[in-house]
Amino acid sequence: MHVLFWMKRHITTSILVGMGVGFLIGLLVDMGGLSGWVLPLSFAMVFPMMVTLDFSQLLTRGNRRLQLVTQAVNFIYLPALAWAVGWLFFRDTASYRIALLLMALLPTSGMTVSWTVMAKGNVNEAVRMIVFGLLLGGLLAPLYLGLFMGEAANVPFMAIVRQMVVIVFLPMGLGYLVRKAWVGRVGEARFQTTVKPYFPAFSTLAVVTLIALVTGMRAPMLAADPWLLLRIALPLIVGYGVMVLSLHWLGSRLFVYADRIAMINGTMIRNLSLSLAIALSVFDTMGAEIALVVAVAYMVQVQAAGWYVRFSVAKQAFQPS
């Protein structure tokens, strides 16, 4: 468990190590035969996240304006931004454009709460954003993918729907039942302090393992084109940069500090784990290429979130009390 917690705290380093190990193994052996592990690893990655979510937040009364603006950003602005960045940088590579759109359609992960806590934002609203965003993303992602990329993806609409059920809604239902049973056994307070912290660590292990698998499957391609990762990373850096600056501008004009932090983390932090799982289970021929973009996005996103938290905390410290 010490190793797993270290991996969770140092996710960027863990991903880099996973990519390196996967690359070396992929150069030595053909890892294509390991594709059967994608679905169980995807479940192992998504299920722990679902156990940590408190779906009772849907029944509480919150800041409707904040939630409406957040989900409008998630499902109108960010898909449009992803489409624009993909058209600008990856016009001739459909798989990379699908990757950007897939990431834009799946807000937001449990890390939203962690970053919101660190920046002293509105944690309760951040939790509601995760639950609402996950439900809406699971329902709207097949529609958006079919609308924007149906011809390029060459995947039937119902195939995407079926995989969303297996990867999103089935783990969600099981996660809800497991959480309810555990809370009923030990109580909410003990669950939060002694049980819940373990689940994200197992999810991180599955993430790193899947990224190693993806890198290994694409190792020959990466060896033939050493600059490929850089060409993927630069558009992601541009996209995240535009996203952070525009969301900061919007949040500063609409909300007080705590709500602005929740809104920005509830939109900037994408659910890359779900994107990775869907990429590998839905898109047969181009899944590994889509997943490679998602793997690089992990590193960009963590840096973007970390720098924004530092900026927000430092700026807030100089505000008059």
C-alpha atoms as a PDB file:
ATOM      1  CA  MET A   1       0.000   0.000   0.000  1.00  0.00           C
ATOM      2  CA  HIS A   2       2.912   2.367   0.615  1.00  0.00           C
ATOM      3  CA  VAL A   3       3.933   1.903  -3.015  1.00  0.00           C
ATOM      4  CA  LEU A   4       0.382   2.506  -4.246  1.00  0.00           C
ATOM      5  CA  PHE A   5       0.009   5.677  -2.175  1.00  0.00           C
ATOM      6  CA  TRP A   6       3.364   6.902  -3.493  1.00  0.00           C
ATOM      7  CA  MET A   7       2.182   6.263  -7.045  1.00  0.00           C
ATOM      8  CA  LYS A   8      -1.006   8.246  -6.378  1.00  0.00           C
ATOM      9  CA  ARG A   9       0.927  11.201  -4.914  1.00  0.00           C
ATOM     10  CA  HIS A  10       3.441  11.165  -7.781  1.00  0.00           C
ATOM     11  CA  ILE A  11       1.120  10.335 -10.658  1.00  0.00           C
ATOM     12  CA  THR A  12       3.242  12.111 -13.290  1.00  0.00           C
ATOM     13  CA  THR A  13       6.396  10.209 -12.322  1.00  0.00           C
ATOM     14  CA  SER A  14       4.443   6.943 -12.124  1.00  0.00           C
ATOM     15  CA  ILE A  15       3.042   7.452 -15.623  1.00  0.00           C
ATOM     16  CA  LEU A  16       6.481   8.251 -17.028  1.00  0.00           C
ATOM     17  CA  VAL A  17       7.892   5.085 -15.428  1.00  0.00           C
ATOM     18  CA  GLY A  18       4.939   3.064 -16.753  1.00  0.00           C
ATOM     19  CA  MET A  19       5.451   4.445 -20.255  1.00  0.00           C
ATOM     20  CA  GLY A  20       9.181   3.689 -20.092  1.00  0.00           C
ATOM     21  CA  VAL A  21       8.683   0.123 -18.900  1.00  0.00           C
ATOM     22  CA  GLY A  22       5.945  -0.491 -21.449  1.00  0.00           C
ATOM     23  CA  PHE A  23       8.102   0.941 -24.241  1.00  0.00           C
ATOM     24  CA  LEU A  24      11.074  -1.298 -23.403  1.00  0.00           C
ATOM     25  CA  ILE A  25       8.920  -4.418 -23.150  1.00  0.00           C
ATOM     26  CA  GLY A  26       7.107  -3.514 -26.363  1.00  0.00           C
ATOM     27  CA  LEU A  27      10.417  -3.334 -28.221  1.00  0.00           C
ATOM     28  CA  LEU A  28      11.326  -6.837 -27.060  1.00  0.00           C
ATOM     29  CA  VAL A  29       8.009  -8.656 -27.464  1.00  0.00           C
ATOM     30  CA  ASP A  30       4.730  -8.171 -29.315  1.00  0.00           C
ATOM     31  CA  MET A  31       2.197  -6.942 -26.724  1.00  0.00           C
ATOM     32  CA  GLY A  32      -0.779  -7.083 -29.068  1.00  0.00           C
ATOM     33  CA  GLY A  33      -1.840 -10.371 -27.526  1.00  0.00           C
ATOM     34  CA  LEU A  34      -2.459  -8.617 -24.193  1.00  0.00           C
ATOM     35  CA  SER A  35      -5.433  -6.664 -25.540  1.00  0.00           C
ATOM     36  CA  GLY A  36      -7.746  -9.035 -23.650  1.00  0.00           C
ATOM     37  CA  TRP A  37      -6.615  -7.376 -20.426  1.00  0.00           C
ATOM     38  CA  VAL A  38      -8.034  -4.027 -21.457  1.00  0.00           C
ATOM     39  CA  LEU A  39     -11.593  -4.588 -20.196  1.00  0.00           C
ATOM     40  CA  PRO A  40     -10.720  -6.025 -16.739  1.00  0.00           C
ATOM     41  CA  LEU A  41      -8.089  -3.319 -16.225  1.00  0.00           C
ATOM     42  CA  SER A  42     -10.616  -0.686 -17.305  1.00  0.00           C
ATOM     43  CA  PHE A  43     -13.099  -2.002 -14.748  1.00  0.00           C
ATOM     44  CA  ALA A  44     -10.361  -2.064 -12.085  1.00  0.00           C
ATOM     45  CA  MET A  45      -9.599   1.562 -12.917  1.00  0.00           C
ATOM     46  CA  VAL A  46     -13.176   2.897 -12.960  1.00  0.00           C
ATOM     47  CA  PHE A  47     -14.851   0.910 -10.172  1.00  0.00           C
ATOM     48  CA  PRO A  48     -12.748   2.313  -7.272  1.00  0.00           C
ATOM     49  CA  MET A  49     -13.584   5.860  -8.404  1.00  0.00           C
ATOM     50  CA  MET A  50     -17.307   5.062  -8.284  1.00  0.00           C
ATOM     51  CA  VAL A  51     -17.101   3.704  -4.727  1.00  0.00           C
ATOM     52  CA  THR A  52     -15.722   7.059  -3.545  1.00  0.00           C
ATOM     53  CA  LEU A  53     -18.588   9.102  -5.050  1.00  0.00           C
ATOM     54  CA  ASP A  54     -21.470  10.159  -2.823  1.00  0.00           C
ATOM     55  CA  PHE A  55     -24.527  10.099  -5.081  1.00  0.00           C
ATOM     56  CA  SER A  56     -26.693  11.475  -2.277  1.00  0.00           C
ATOM     57  CA  GLN A  57     -25.273  14.866  -3.282  1.00  0.00           C
ATOM     58  CA  LEU A  58     -27.788  14.786  -6.145  1.00  0.00           C
ATOM     59  CA  LEU A  59     -30.596  15.152  -3.606  1.00  0.00           C
ATOM     60  CA  THR A  60     -29.149  18.166  -1.795  1.00  0.00           C
ATOM     61  CA  ARG A  61     -29.903  21.743  -2.748  1.00  0.00           C
ATOM     62  CA  GLY A  62     -26.829  23.549  -4.053  1.00  0.00           C
ATOM     63  CA  ASN A  63     -25.785  26.542  -6.121  1.00  0.00           C
ATOM     64  CA  ARG A  64     -27.852  26.049  -9.266  1.00  0.00           C
ATOM     65  CA  ARG A  65     -26.202  28.889 -11.147  1.00  0.00           C
ATOM     66  CA  LEU A  66     -22.742  27.493 -10.441  1.00  0.00           C
ATOM     67  CA  GLN A  67     -23.776  23.996 -11.555  1.00  0.00           C
ATOM     68  CA  LEU A  68     -25.486  25.236 -14.719  1.00  0.00           C
ATOM     69  CA  VAL A  69     -22.478  27.312 -15.769  1.00  0.00           C
ATOM     70  CA  THR A  70     -20.108  24.413 -15.018  1.00  0.00           C
ATOM     71  CA  GLN A  71     -22.051  21.901 -17.094  1.00  0.00           C
ATOM     72  CA  ALA A  72     -22.524  24.433 -19.915  1.00  0.00           C
ATOM     73  CA  VAL A  73     -18.746  24.798 -20.016  1.00  0.00           C
ATOM     74  CA  ASN A  74     -18.312  21.015 -19.873  1.00  0.00           C
ATOM     75  CA  PHE A  75     -20.717  20.132 -22.664  1.00  0.00           C
ATOM     76  CA  ILE A  76     -20.757  23.203 -24.920  1.00  0.00           C
ATOM     77  CA  TYR A  77     -17.547  25.202 -24.618  1.00  0.00           C
ATOM     78  CA  LEU A  78     -14.975  22.466 -24.016  1.00  0.00           C
ATOM     79  CA  PRO A  79     -16.162  20.112 -26.800  1.00  0.00           C
ATOM     80  CA  ALA A  80     -16.029  23.110 -29.165  1.00  0.00           C
ATOM     81  CA  LEU A  81     -12.513  23.957 -27.942  1.00  0.00           C
ATOM     82  CA  ALA A  82     -11.399  20.321 -28.349  1.00  0.00           C
ATOM     83  CA  TRP A  83     -12.805  20.231 -31.867  1.00  0.00           C
ATOM     84  CA  ALA A  84     -10.994  23.480 -32.736  1.00  0.00           C
ATOM     85  CA  VAL A  85      -7.637  22.307 -31.341  1.00  0.00           C
ATOM     86  CA  GLY A  86      -8.018  18.980 -33.145  1.00  0.00           C
ATOM     87  CA  TRP A  87      -8.858  20.689 -36.440  1.00  0.00           C
ATOM     88  CA  LEU A  88      -5.901  23.066 -36.041  1.00  0.00           C
ATOM     89  CA  PHE A  89      -3.212  20.557 -35.055  1.00  0.00           C
ATOM     90  CA  PHE A  90      -4.487  17.081 -36.013  1.00  0.00           C
ATOM     91  CA  ARG A  91      -6.506  17.720 -39.153  1.00  0.00           C
ATOM     92  CA  ASP A  92      -5.067  14.649 -40.881  1.00  0.00           C
ATOM     93  CA  THR A  93      -5.161  12.297 -37.867  1.00  0.00           C
ATOM     94  CA  ALA A  94      -8.702  11.269 -36.956  1.00  0.00           C
ATOM     95  CA  SER A  95      -7.647   9.193 -33.944  1.00  0.00           C
ATOM     96  CA  TYR A  96      -5.998  12.182 -32.238  1.00  0.00           C
ATOM     97  CA  ARG A  97      -9.049  14.374 -32.880  1.00  0.00           C
ATOM     98  CA  ILE A  98     -11.263  11.676 -31.379  1.00  0.00           C
ATOM     99  CA  ALA A  99      -8.987  11.573 -28.331  1.00  0.00           C
ATOM    100  CA  LEU A 100      -9.379  15.308 -27.740  1.00  0.00           C
ATOM    101  CA  LEU A 101     -13.146  15.150 -28.117  1.00  0.00           C
ATOM    102  CA  LEU A 102     -13.407  12.090 -25.872  1.00  0.00           C
ATOM    103  CA  MET A 103     -11.473  13.832 -23.098  1.00  0.00           C
ATOM    104  CA  ALA A 104     -13.628  16.943 -23.482  1.00  0.00           C
ATOM    105  CA  LEU A 105     -16.827  14.917 -23.077  1.00  0.00           C
ATOM    106  CA  LEU A 106     -15.962  13.169 -19.815  1.00  0.00           C
ATOM    107  CA  PRO A 107     -15.802  15.480 -16.800  1.00  0.00           C
ATOM    108  CA  THR A 108     -14.599  15.196 -14.129  1.00  0.00           C
ATOM    109  CA  SER A 109     -12.557  12.936 -11.847  1.00  0.00           C
ATOM    110  CA  GLY A 110     -12.092  12.514  -8.118  1.00  0.00           C
ATOM    111  CA  MET A 111      -8.974  14.660  -8.343  1.00  0.00           C
ATOM    112  CA  THR A 112     -11.342  17.623  -8.675  1.00  0.00           C
ATOM    113  CA  VAL A 113     -12.047  17.372  -4.959  1.00  0.00           C
ATOM    114  CA  SER A 114      -8.349  17.076  -4.079  1.00  0.00           C
ATOM    115  CA  TRP A 115      -7.356  20.157  -6.080  1.00  0.00           C
ATOM    116  CA  THR A 116     -10.360  22.088  -4.725  1.00  0.00           C
ATOM    117  CA  VAL A 117      -9.395  21.255  -1.143  1.00  0.00           C
ATOM    118  CA  MET A 118      -5.803  22.395  -1.764  1.00  0.00           C
ATOM    119  CA  ALA A 119      -6.985  25.733  -3.166  1.00  0.00           C
ATOM    120  CA  LYS A 120      -9.605  26.207  -0.405  1.00  0.00           C
ATOM    121  CA  GLY A 121     -12.540  26.081  -2.806  1.00  0.00           C
ATOM    122  CA  ASN A 122     -16.165  24.991  -2.399  1.00  0.00           C
ATOM    123  CA  VAL A 123     -15.767  21.240  -1.896  1.00  0.00           C
ATOM    124  CA  ASN A 124     -19.485  20.403  -1.618  1.00  0.00           C
ATOM    125  CA  GLU A 125     -20.229  21.951  -4.999  1.00  0.00           C
ATOM    126  CA  ALA A 126     -17.155  20.238  -6.489  1.00  0.00           C
ATOM    127  CA  VAL A 127     -18.555  16.851  -5.432  1.00  0.00           C
ATOM    128  CA  ARG A 128     -21.899  17.696  -7.041  1.00  0.00           C
ATOM    129  CA  MET A 129     -20.077  18.667 -10.238  1.00  0.00           C
ATOM    130  CA  ILE A 130     -18.407  15.259 -10.384  1.00  0.00           C
ATOM    131  CA  VAL A 131     -21.683  13.369 -10.009  1.00  0.00           C
ATOM    132  CA  PHE A 132     -23.656  15.537 -12.440  1.00  0.00           C
ATOM    133  CA  GLY A 133     -20.808  15.625 -14.951  1.00  0.00           C
ATOM    134  CA  LEU A 134     -20.332  11.869 -14.847  1.00  0.00           C
ATOM    135  CA  LEU A 135     -24.013  11.163 -15.452  1.00  0.00           C
ATOM    136  CA  LEU A 136     -24.319  13.722 -18.256  1.00  0.00           C
ATOM    137  CA  GLY A 137     -21.040  12.633 -19.847  1.00  0.00           C
ATOM    138  CA  GLY A 138     -22.104   8.998 -19.903  1.00  0.00           C
ATOM    139  CA  LEU A 139     -25.336   9.943 -21.655  1.00  0.00           C
ATOM    140  CA  LEU A 140     -24.034  12.608 -24.053  1.00  0.00           C
ATOM    141  CA  ALA A 141     -20.653  11.167 -25.094  1.00  0.00           C
ATOM    142  CA  PRO A 142     -22.121   8.681 -27.601  1.00  0.00           C
ATOM    143  CA  LEU A 143     -24.266  11.434 -29.132  1.00  0.00           C
ATOM    144  CA  TYR A 144     -21.374  13.881 -29.449  1.00  0.00           C
ATOM    145  CA  LEU A 145     -18.962  11.294 -30.819  1.00  0.00           C
ATOM    146  CA  GLY A 146     -21.498  10.217 -33.399  1.00  0.00           C
ATOM    147  CA  LEU A 147     -22.273  13.819 -34.336  1.00  0.00           C
ATOM    148  CA  PHE A 148     -18.708  15.120 -34.648  1.00  0.00           C
ATOM    149  CA  MET A 149     -16.652  12.044 -35.449  1.00  0.00           C
ATOM    150  CA  GLY A 150     -19.086   9.312 -36.509  1.00  0.00           C
ATOM    151  CA  GLU A 151     -17.707   8.883 -40.008  1.00  0.00           C
ATOM    152  CA  ALA A 152     -14.051   9.156 -38.954  1.00  0.00           C
ATOM    153  CA  ALA A 153     -14.471   6.859 -35.946  1.00  0.00           C
ATOM    154  CA  ASN A 154     -16.373   4.254 -37.987  1.00  0.00           C
ATOM    155  CA  VAL A 155     -17.980   2.906 -34.817  1.00  0.00           C
ATOM    156  CA  PRO A 156     -21.751   2.247 -34.671  1.00  0.00           C
ATOM    157  CA  PHE A 157     -23.655   4.398 -32.213  1.00  0.00           C
ATOM    158  CA  MET A 158     -25.017   1.407 -30.282  1.00  0.00           C
ATOM    159  CA  ALA A 159     -21.509  -0.037 -29.862  1.00  0.00           C
ATOM    160  CA  ILE A 160     -20.481   3.154 -28.067  1.00  0.00           C
ATOM    161  CA  VAL A 161     -23.639   3.061 -25.941  1.00  0.00           C
ATOM    162  CA  ARG A 162     -23.022  -0.557 -24.910  1.00  0.00           C
ATOM    163  CA  GLN A 163     -19.456   0.168 -23.877  1.00  0.00           C
ATOM    164  CA  MET A 164     -20.543   3.246 -21.912  1.00  0.00           C
ATOM    165  CA  VAL A 165     -22.949   1.011 -20.000  1.00  0.00           C
ATOM    166  CA  VAL A 166     -20.213  -1.543 -19.245  1.00  0.00           C
ATOM    167  CA  ILE A 167     -17.481   0.954 -18.387  1.00  0.00           C
ATOM    168  CA  VAL A 168     -19.481   3.780 -16.775  1.00  0.00           C
ATOM    169  CA  PHE A 169     -22.917   2.796 -15.555  1.00  0.00           C
ATOM    170  CA  LEU A 170     -22.235  -0.784 -14.427  1.00  0.00           C
ATOM    171  CA  PRO A 171     -19.271   0.259 -12.225  1.00  0.00           C
ATOM    172  CA  MET A 172     -21.372   3.225 -11.066  1.00  0.00           C
ATOM    173  CA  GLY A 173     -24.204   0.979  -9.892  1.00  0.00           C
ATOM    174  CA  LEU A 174     -21.873  -1.529  -8.244  1.00  0.00           C
ATOM    175  CA  GLY A 175     -19.866   1.279  -6.670  1.00  0.00           C
ATOM    176  CA  TYR A 176     -23.019   2.784  -5.202  1.00  0.00           C
ATOM    177  CA  LEU A 177     -24.046  -0.573  -3.685  1.00  0.00           C
ATOM    178  CA  VAL A 178     -20.573  -1.258  -2.267  1.00  0.00           C
ATOM    179  CA  ARG A 179     -20.345   2.222  -0.742  1.00  0.00           C
ATOM    180  CA  LYS A 180     -23.833   1.947   0.760  1.00  0.00           C
ATOM    181  CA  ALA A 181     -23.053  -1.450   2.280  1.00  0.00           C
ATOM    182  CA  TRP A 182     -19.711  -0.289   3.665  1.00  0.00           C
ATOM    183  CA  VAL A 183     -21.125   2.922   5.127  1.00  0.00           C
ATOM    184  CA  GLY A 184     -23.955   0.920   6.675  1.00  0.00           C
ATOM    185  CA  ARG A 185     -21.387  -1.342   8.302  1.00  0.00           C
ATOM    186  CA  VAL A 186     -18.800   1.140   9.622  1.00  0.00           C
ATOM    187  CA  GLY A 187     -20.547   4.531   9.440  1.00  0.00           C
ATOM    188  CA  GLU A 188     -19.919   7.533   7.168  1.00  0.00           C
ATOM    189  CA  ALA A 189     -17.152   9.078   9.292  1.00  0.00           C
ATOM    190  CA  ARG A 190     -15.086   5.898   9.490  1.00  0.00           C
ATOM    191  CA  PHE A 191     -15.640   5.165   5.799  1.00  0.00           C
ATOM    192  CA  GLN A 192     -14.279   8.605   4.882  1.00  0.00           C
ATOM    193  CA  THR A 193     -11.144   8.268   7.025  1.00  0.00           C
ATOM    194  CA  THR A 194     -10.206   4.579   6.976  1.00  0.00           C
ATOM    195  CA  VAL A 195     -11.761   3.044   3.835  1.00  0.00           C
ATOM    196  CA  LYS A 196     -12.228   5.641   1.100  1.00  0.00           C
ATOM    197  CA  PRO A 197      -8.533   6.724   0.816  1.00  0.00           C
ATOM    198  CA  TYR A 198      -7.509   3.241  -0.373  1.00  0.00           C
ATOM    199  CA  PHE A 199      -9.694   3.103  -3.482  1.00  0.00           C
ATOM    200  CA  PRO A 200      -7.986   5.855  -5.540  1.00  0.00           C
ATOM    201  CA  ALA A 201      -4.634   4.145  -4.999  1.00  0.00           C
ATOM    202  CA  PHE A 202      -5.873   0.959  -6.678  1.00  0.00           C
ATOM    203  CA  SER A 203      -7.353   3.036  -9.492  1.00  0.00           C
ATOM    204  CA  THR A 204      -3.955   4.684 -10.015  1.00  0.00           C
ATOM    205  CA  LEU A 205      -2.272   1.275 -10.280  1.00  0.00           C
ATOM    206  CA  ALA A 206      -4.738   0.261 -13.000  1.00  0.00           C
ATOM    207  CA  VAL A 207      -4.164   3.568 -14.820  1.00  0.00           C
ATOM    208  CA  VAL A 208      -0.379   3.151 -14.854  1.00  0.00           C
ATOM    209  CA  THR A 209      -0.701  -0.491 -15.937  1.00  0.00           C
ATOM    210  CA  LEU A 210      -3.007   0.435 -18.810  1.00  0.00           C
ATOM    211  CA  ILE A 211      -0.692   3.238 -19.929  1.00  0.00           C
ATOM    212  CA  ALA A 212       2.249   0.819 -19.881  1.00  0.00           C
ATOM    213  CA  LEU A 213       0.180  -1.577 -21.989  1.00  0.00           C
ATOM    214  CA  VAL A 214      -0.735   1.169 -24.463  1.00  0.00           C
ATOM    215  CA  THR A 215       2.861   2.359 -24.779  1.00  0.00           C
ATOM    216  CA  GLY A 216       4.069  -1.198 -25.280  1.00  0.00           C
ATOM    217  CA  MET A 217       1.540  -1.769 -28.032  1.00  0.00           C
ATOM    218  CA  ARG A 218       2.737   1.384 -29.825  1.00  0.00           C
ATOM    219  CA  ALA A 219       6.452   0.913 -29.041  1.00  0.00           C
ATOM    220  CA  PRO A 220       7.527   0.149 -32.638  1.00  0.00           C
ATOM    221  CA  MET A 221       5.732   3.275 -33.858  1.00  0.00           C
ATOM    222  CA  LEU A 222       7.337   5.412 -31.138  1.00  0.00           C
ATOM    223  CA  ALA A 223      10.770   3.977 -31.910  1.00  0.00           C
ATOM    224  CA  ALA A 224      10.327   4.829 -35.582  1.00  0.00           C
ATOM    225  CA  ASP A 225       9.192   8.391 -34.739  1.00  0.00           C
ATOM    226  CA  PRO A 226      10.904   9.630 -31.530  1.00  0.00           C
ATOM    227  CA  TRP A 227       9.315  13.104 -31.835  1.00  0.00           C
ATOM    228  CA  LEU A 228       5.755  11.773 -31.815  1.00  0.00           C
ATOM    229  CA  LEU A 229       5.167  12.353 -28.096  1.00  0.00           C
ATOM    230  CA  LEU A 230       6.327  15.961 -28.426  1.00  0.00           C
ATOM    231  CA  ARG A 231       3.976  16.543 -31.371  1.00  0.00           C
ATOM    232  CA  ILE A 232       1.128  15.199 -29.258  1.00  0.00           C
ATOM    233  CA  ALA A 233       2.112  17.170 -26.148  1.00  0.00           C
ATOM    234  CA  LEU A 234       2.349  20.623 -27.753  1.00  0.00           C
ATOM    235  CA  PRO A 235      -1.315  20.831 -28.889  1.00  0.00           C
ATOM    236  CA  LEU A 236      -2.388  19.531 -25.470  1.00  0.00           C
ATOM    237  CA  ILE A 237      -0.362  22.259 -23.762  1.00  0.00           C
ATOM    238  CA  VAL A 238      -1.965  24.864 -26.021  1.00  0.00           C
ATOM    239  CA  GLY A 239      -5.445  23.462 -25.359  1.00  0.00           C
ATOM    240  CA  TYR A 240      -5.032  23.338 -21.592  1.00  0.00           C
ATOM    241  CA  GLY A 241      -3.485  26.816 -21.611  1.00  0.00           C
ATOM    242  CA  VAL A 242      -6.444  28.330 -23.485  1.00  0.00           C
ATOM    243  CA  MET A 243      -8.840  26.416 -21.239  1.00  0.00           C
ATOM    244  CA  VAL A 244      -7.297  27.589 -17.966  1.00  0.00           C
ATOM    245  CA  LEU A 245      -7.012  31.236 -19.026  1.00  0.00           C
ATOM    246  CA  SER A 246     -10.563  31.422 -20.386  1.00  0.00           C
ATOM    247  CA  LEU A 247     -12.078  29.630 -17.397  1.00  0.00           C
ATOM    248  CA  HIS A 248     -10.216  31.873 -14.961  1.00  0.00           C
ATOM    249  CA  TRP A 249     -11.549  34.921 -16.798  1.00  0.00           C
ATOM    250  CA  LEU A 250     -15.102  33.557 -16.735  1.00  0.00           C
ATOM    251  CA  GLY A 251     -15.001  32.411 -13.118  1.00  0.00           C
ATOM    252  CA  SER A 252     -13.519  35.689 -11.877  1.00  0.00           C
ATOM    253  CA  ARG A 253     -16.479  37.582 -13.332  1.00  0.00           C
ATOM    254  CA  LEU A 254     -19.275  35.293 -12.231  1.00  0.00           C
ATOM    255  CA  PHE A 255     -18.374  33.799  -8.852  1.00  0.00           C
ATOM    256  CA  VAL A 256     -16.718  34.422  -5.507  1.00  0.00           C
ATOM    257  CA  TYR A 257     -13.336  32.780  -4.927  1.00  0.00           C
ATOM    258  CA  ALA A 258     -14.497  29.460  -3.420  1.00  0.00           C
ATOM    259  CA  ASP A 259     -17.090  28.873  -6.133  1.00  0.00           C
ATOM    260  CA  ARG A 260     -14.684  29.923  -8.878  1.00  0.00           C
ATOM    261  CA  ILE A 261     -12.147  27.332  -7.703  1.00  0.00           C
ATOM    262  CA  ALA A 262     -14.814  24.627  -7.742  1.00  0.00           C
ATOM    263  CA  MET A 263     -15.992  25.655 -11.213  1.00  0.00           C
ATOM    264  CA  ILE A 264     -12.502  25.695 -12.703  1.00  0.00           C
ATOM    265  CA  ASN A 265     -11.509  22.361 -11.193  1.00  0.00           C
ATOM    266  CA  GLY A 266     -14.892  20.909 -12.171  1.00  0.00           C
ATOM    267  CA  THR A 267     -14.152  21.743 -15.795  1.00  0.00           C
ATOM    268  CA  MET A 268     -10.372  21.796 -16.216  1.00  0.00           C
ATOM    269  CA  ILE A 269      -9.875  18.363 -14.586  1.00  0.00           C
ATOM    270  CA  ARG A 270     -11.031  15.815 -17.156  1.00  0.00           C
ATOM    271  CA  ASN A 271     -11.861  12.200 -16.370  1.00  0.00           C
ATOM    272  CA  LEU A 272      -8.888  10.806 -18.249  1.00  0.00           C
ATOM    273  CA  SER A 273      -9.262   7.369 -16.686  1.00  0.00           C
ATOM    274  CA  LEU A 274     -12.662   6.926 -18.298  1.00  0.00           C
ATOM    275  CA  SER A 275     -11.331   8.311 -21.573  1.00  0.00           C
ATOM    276  CA  LEU A 276      -8.539   5.752 -21.491  1.00  0.00           C
ATOM    277  CA  ALA A 277     -10.917   2.889 -20.745  1.00  0.00           C
ATOM    278  CA  ILE A 278     -13.353   3.850 -23.505  1.00  0.00           C
ATOM    279  CA  ALA A 279     -10.586   4.416 -26.041  1.00  0.00           C
ATOM    280  CA  LEU A 280      -9.205   0.921 -25.582  1.00  0.00           C
ATOM    281  CA  SER A 281     -12.539  -0.897 -25.395  1.00  0.00           C
ATOM    282  CA  VAL A 282     -14.578   0.901 -28.069  1.00  0.00           C
ATOM    283  CA  PHE A 283     -12.159   1.861 -30.831  1.00  0.00           C
ATOM    284  CA  ASP A 284     -10.561  -1.351 -32.057  1.00  0.00           C
ATOM    285  CA  THR A 285      -8.229  -0.192 -34.824  1.00  0.00           C
ATOM    286  CA  MET A 286      -7.332   3.240 -33.470  1.00  0.00           C
ATOM    287  CA  GLY A 287      -7.822   2.656 -29.743  1.00  0.00           C
ATOM    288  CA  ALA A 288      -4.112   2.498 -28.910  1.00  0.00           C
ATOM    289  CA  GLU A 289      -3.437   5.776 -30.732  1.00  0.00           C
ATOM    290  CA  ILE A 290      -6.320   7.495 -28.925  1.00  0.00           C
ATOM    291  CA  ALA A 291      -5.085   6.103 -25.604  1.00  0.00           C
ATOM    292  CA  LEU A 292      -1.569   7.385 -26.298  1.00  0.00           C
ATOM    293  CA  VAL A 293      -2.909  10.947 -26.495  1.00  0.00           C
ATOM    294  CA  VAL A 294      -4.808  10.420 -23.237  1.00  0.00           C
ATOM    295  CA  ALA A 295      -1.638   9.116 -21.567  1.00  0.00           C
ATOM    296  CA  VAL A 296       0.249  12.290 -22.494  1.00  0.00           C
ATOM    297  CA  ALA A 297      -2.733  14.383 -21.335  1.00  0.00           C
ATOM    298  CA  TYR A 298      -2.348  12.947 -17.814  1.00  0.00           C
ATOM    299  CA  MET A 299       1.004  14.682 -17.454  1.00  0.00           C
ATOM    300  CA  VAL A 300      -0.181  17.969 -18.950  1.00  0.00           C
ATOM    301  CA  GLN A 301      -3.326  18.054 -16.820  1.00  0.00           C
ATOM    302  CA  VAL A 302      -1.533  17.413 -13.539  1.00  0.00           C
ATOM    303  CA  GLN A 303       0.917  20.231 -14.250  1.00  0.00           C
ATOM    304  CA  ALA A 304      -1.867  22.630 -15.291  1.00  0.00           C
ATOM    305  CA  ALA A 305      -3.906  21.886 -12.168  1.00  0.00           C
ATOM    306  CA  GLY A 306      -0.886  22.142  -9.892  1.00  0.00           C
ATOM    307  CA  TRP A 307       0.237  25.490 -11.251  1.00  0.00           C
ATOM    308  CA  TYR A 308      -3.277  26.921 -11.092  1.00  0.00           C
ATOM    309  CA  VAL A 309      -3.633  25.903  -7.435  1.00  0.00           C
ATOM    310  CA  ARG A 310      -0.321  27.602  -6.613  1.00  0.00           C
ATOM    311  CA  PHE A 311      -1.376  30.726  -8.493  1.00  0.00           C
ATOM    312  CA  SER A 312      -4.805  30.846  -6.811  1.00  0.00           C
ATOM    313  CA  VAL A 313      -3.506  30.309  -3.287  1.00  0.00           C
ATOM    314  CA  ALA A 314      -0.728  32.880  -3.730  1.00  0.00           C
ATOM    315  CA  LYS A 315      -3.108  35.467  -5.209  1.00  0.00           C
ATOM    316  CA  GLN A 316      -5.695  34.892  -2.498  1.00  0.00           C
ATOM    317  CA  ALA A 317      -3.072  35.375   0.216  1.00  0.00           C
ATOM    318  CA  PHE A 318      -2.508  38.942  -0.965  1.00  0.00           C
ATOM    319  CA  GLN A 319      -6.211  39.842  -1.054  1.00  0.00           C
ATOM    320  CA  PRO A 320      -7.383  42.211   1.720  1.00  0.00           C
ATOM    321  CA  SER A 321      -9.266  40.391   4.471  1.00  0.00           C
END
